[in-house]
C-alpha cells in the first residue's frame, strides 16, 4: 500500500494544531496583561483544567470501546471489511461516546 497521500493531511493537522496553541497562548497572555480580575483568571484556568480532564476521559472511554469492537471482530473471525464489521465499529464508537457523555455528566 502507498500511504504518500497521508503526508499532506498530517502536515495540515499539525499546522492547524500549532496555530490553535499559539492563539490560545496569546489570548491567555492578553487576558493577564489587561489586568483581568483574579477571579476571572482563576475561573478560566479551572475551566481549562476540567475540560482537559473530560477530554482525557472521553478519549480513554472511546479508545477502549473501539478496542472492544476490534476484539469482537477478531473473536467472530471476520477477516474482510463488510457492512457488519463497519457497523460493529461504528456501534462501539457511538456507545463509547455515550458512555463518555454519561461519565462527564456524572463528574461535572
C-alpha atoms as a PDB file:
ATOM      1  CA  UNK A   1       0.000   0.000   0.000  1.00  0.00           C
ATOM      2  CA  UNK A   2       1.092   3.510  -0.745  1.00  0.00           C
ATOM      3  CA  UNK A   3       0.489   5.985   2.057  1.00  0.00           C
ATOM      4  CA  UNK A   4       2.002   9.069   0.424  1.00  0.00           C
ATOM      5  CA  UNK A   5      -1.377  10.827   0.453  1.00  0.00           C
ATOM      6  CA  UNK A   6      -1.264  10.917   4.280  1.00  0.00           C
ATOM      7  CA  UNK A   7       1.734  13.268   4.362  1.00  0.00           C
ATOM      8  CA  UNK A   8      -0.161  16.463   3.398  1.00  0.00           C
ATOM      9  CA  UNK A   9      -3.088  15.520   5.644  1.00  0.00           C
ATOM     10  CA  UNK A  10      -0.859  15.031   8.683  1.00  0.00           C
ATOM     11  CA  UNK A  11       1.053  18.220   7.826  1.00  0.00           C
ATOM     12  CA  UNK A  12      -2.219  20.187   7.678  1.00  0.00           C
ATOM     13  CA  UNK A  13      -3.343  18.793  11.034  1.00  0.00           C
ATOM     14  CA  UNK A  14      -0.007  19.729  12.625  1.00  0.00           C
ATOM     15  CA  UNK A  15      -0.149  23.290  11.266  1.00  0.00           C
ATOM     16  CA  UNK A  16      -3.744  23.767  12.452  1.00  0.00           C
ATOM     17  CA  UNK A  17      -2.878  22.451  15.926  1.00  0.00           C
ATOM     18  CA  UNK A  18       0.179  24.724  16.146  1.00  0.00           C
ATOM     19  CA  UNK A  19      -1.940  27.748  15.212  1.00  0.00           C
ATOM     20  CA  UNK A  20      -4.530  26.786  17.846  1.00  0.00           C
ATOM     21  CA  UNK A  21      -1.857  26.522  20.546  1.00  0.00           C
ATOM     22  CA  UNK A  22      -0.380  29.917  19.647  1.00  0.00           C
ATOM     23  CA  UNK A  23      -3.789  31.627  19.570  1.00  0.00           C
ATOM     24  CA  UNK A  24      -4.760  30.134  22.936  1.00  0.00           C
ATOM     25  CA  UNK A  25      -1.463  31.242  24.478  1.00  0.00           C
ATOM     26  CA  UNK A  26      -1.821  34.776  23.113  1.00  0.00           C
ATOM     27  CA  UNK A  27      -5.385  35.004  24.388  1.00  0.00           C
ATOM     28  CA  UNK A  28      -4.292  33.978  27.873  1.00  0.00           C
ATOM     29  CA  UNK A  29      -1.347  36.408  27.789  1.00  0.00           C
ATOM     30  CA  UNK A  30      -3.568  39.314  26.716  1.00  0.00           C
ATOM     31  CA  UNK A  31      -6.085  38.465  29.422  1.00  0.00           C
ATOM     32  CA  UNK A  32      -3.405  38.508  32.080  1.00  0.00           C
ATOM     33  CA  UNK A  33      -1.815  41.683  30.671  1.00  0.00           C
ATOM     34  CA  UNK A  34      -5.143  43.519  30.673  1.00  0.00           C
ATOM     35  CA  UNK A  35      -5.293  43.212  34.445  1.00  0.00           C
ATOM     36  CA  UNK A  36      -8.332  40.995  34.393  1.00  0.00           C
ATOM     37  CA  UNK A  37      -9.742  40.200  37.783  1.00  0.00           C
ATOM     38  CA  UNK A  38      -8.094  37.410  39.685  1.00  0.00           C
ATOM     39  CA  UNK A  39     -11.457  35.671  39.986  1.00  0.00           C
ATOM     40  CA  UNK A  40     -11.891  35.645  36.187  1.00  0.00           C
ATOM     41  CA  UNK A  41      -8.411  34.268  35.554  1.00  0.00           C
ATOM     42  CA  UNK A  42      -8.837  31.603  38.229  1.00  0.00           C
ATOM     43  CA  UNK A  43     -12.183  30.504  36.790  1.00  0.00           C
ATOM     44  CA  UNK A  44     -10.705  30.271  33.272  1.00  0.00           C
ATOM     45  CA  UNK A  45      -7.773  28.178  34.483  1.00  0.00           C
ATOM     46  CA  UNK A  46     -10.091  25.866  36.418  1.00  0.00           C
ATOM     47  CA  UNK A  47     -12.409  25.525  33.421  1.00  0.00           C
ATOM     48  CA  UNK A  48      -9.459  24.617  31.178  1.00  0.00           C
ATOM     49  CA  UNK A  49      -8.249  22.012  33.648  1.00  0.00           C
ATOM     50  CA  UNK A  50     -11.729  20.497  33.868  1.00  0.00           C
ATOM     51  CA  UNK A  51     -12.020  20.488  30.079  1.00  0.00           C
ATOM     52  CA  UNK A  52      -8.663  18.686  29.739  1.00  0.00           C
ATOM     53  CA  UNK A  53      -9.714  16.049  32.264  1.00  0.00           C
ATOM     54  CA  UNK A  54     -13.012  15.491  30.481  1.00  0.00           C
ATOM     55  CA  UNK A  55     -11.240  15.260  27.112  1.00  0.00           C
ATOM     56  CA  UNK A  56      -8.855  12.647  28.501  1.00  0.00           C
ATOM     57  CA  UNK A  57     -11.766  10.723  29.976  1.00  0.00           C
ATOM     58  CA  UNK A  58     -13.659  10.877  26.685  1.00  0.00           C
ATOM     59  CA  UNK A  59     -10.718   9.677  24.617  1.00  0.00           C
ATOM     60  CA  UNK A  60      -9.958   6.908  27.088  1.00  0.00           C
ATOM     61  CA  UNK A  61     -13.504   5.583  27.036  1.00  0.00           C
ATOM     62  CA  UNK A  62     -13.756   5.976  23.260  1.00  0.00           C
ATOM     63  CA  UNK A  63     -10.496   4.138  22.567  1.00  0.00           C
ATOM     64  CA  UNK A  64     -11.468   1.396  24.992  1.00  0.00           C
ATOM     65  CA  UNK A  65     -14.800   0.965  23.192  1.00  0.00           C
ATOM     66  CA  UNK A  66     -13.077   0.787  19.800  1.00  0.00           C
ATOM     67  CA  UNK A  67     -10.667  -1.808  21.205  1.00  0.00           C
ATOM     68  CA  UNK A  68     -13.666  -3.854  22.335  1.00  0.00           C
ATOM     69  CA  UNK A  69     -15.080  -3.541  18.826  1.00  0.00           C
ATOM     70  CA  UNK A  70     -11.875  -4.825  17.265  1.00  0.00           C
ATOM     71  CA  UNK A  71     -11.787  -7.639  19.815  1.00  0.00           C
ATOM     72  CA  UNK A  72     -15.336  -8.607  18.807  1.00  0.00           C
ATOM     73  CA  UNK A  73     -14.346  -8.606  15.149  1.00  0.00           C
ATOM     74  CA  UNK A  74     -11.367 -10.814  15.950  1.00  0.00           C
ATOM     75  CA  UNK A  75     -13.454 -13.135  18.134  1.00  0.00           C
ATOM     76  CA  UNK A  76     -16.007 -13.666  15.372  1.00  0.00           C
ATOM     77  CA  UNK A  77     -13.221 -14.331  12.888  1.00  0.00           C
ATOM     78  CA  UNK A  78     -14.228 -11.665  10.394  1.00  0.00           C
ATOM     79  CA  UNK A  79     -11.306 -11.082   8.023  1.00  0.00           C
ATOM     80  CA  UNK A  80     -12.878  -8.896   5.353  1.00  0.00           C
ATOM     81  CA  UNK A  81     -14.394  -5.457   5.580  1.00  0.00           C
ATOM     82  CA  UNK A  82     -18.130  -5.916   5.319  1.00  0.00           C
ATOM     83  CA  UNK A  83     -21.062  -3.714   6.330  1.00  0.00           C
ATOM     84  CA  UNK A  84     -21.353  -5.796   9.504  1.00  0.00           C
ATOM     85  CA  UNK A  85     -17.765  -5.071  10.504  1.00  0.00           C
ATOM     86  CA  UNK A  86     -18.227  -1.362   9.853  1.00  0.00           C
ATOM     87  CA  UNK A  87     -21.489  -1.435  11.832  1.00  0.00           C
ATOM     88  CA  UNK A  88     -19.735  -3.026  14.806  1.00  0.00           C
ATOM     89  CA  UNK A  89     -17.010  -0.364  14.785  1.00  0.00           C
ATOM     90  CA  UNK A  90     -19.498   2.488  14.394  1.00  0.00           C
ATOM     91  CA  UNK A  91     -21.716   0.999  17.094  1.00  0.00           C
ATOM     92  CA  UNK A  92     -18.963   0.702  19.680  1.00  0.00           C
ATOM     93  CA  UNK A  93     -17.726   4.186  18.796  1.00  0.00           C
ATOM     94  CA  UNK A  94     -21.210   5.576  19.405  1.00  0.00           C
ATOM     95  CA  UNK A  95     -21.513   3.584  22.613  1.00  0.00           C
ATOM     96  CA  UNK A  96     -18.150   4.921  23.749  1.00  0.00           C
ATOM     97  CA  UNK A  97     -19.290   8.491  23.094  1.00  0.00           C
ATOM     98  CA  UNK A  98     -22.497   7.890  25.048  1.00  0.00           C
ATOM     99  CA  UNK A  99     -20.562   6.383  27.956  1.00  0.00           C
ATOM    100  CA  UNK A 100     -18.145   9.329  27.940  1.00  0.00           C
ATOM    101  CA  UNK A 101     -21.079  11.752  27.933  1.00  0.00           C
ATOM    102  CA  UNK A 102     -22.686   9.952  30.875  1.00  0.00           C
ATOM    103  CA  UNK A 103     -19.402   9.892  32.792  1.00  0.00           C
ATOM    104  CA  UNK A 104     -18.769  13.602  32.204  1.00  0.00           C
ATOM    105  CA  UNK A 105     -22.320  14.457  33.311  1.00  0.00           C
ATOM    106  CA  UNK A 106     -21.827  12.444  36.480  1.00  0.00           C
ATOM    107  CA  UNK A 107     -18.459  14.106  37.203  1.00  0.00           C
ATOM    108  CA  UNK A 108     -19.351  17.602  36.085  1.00  0.00           C
END
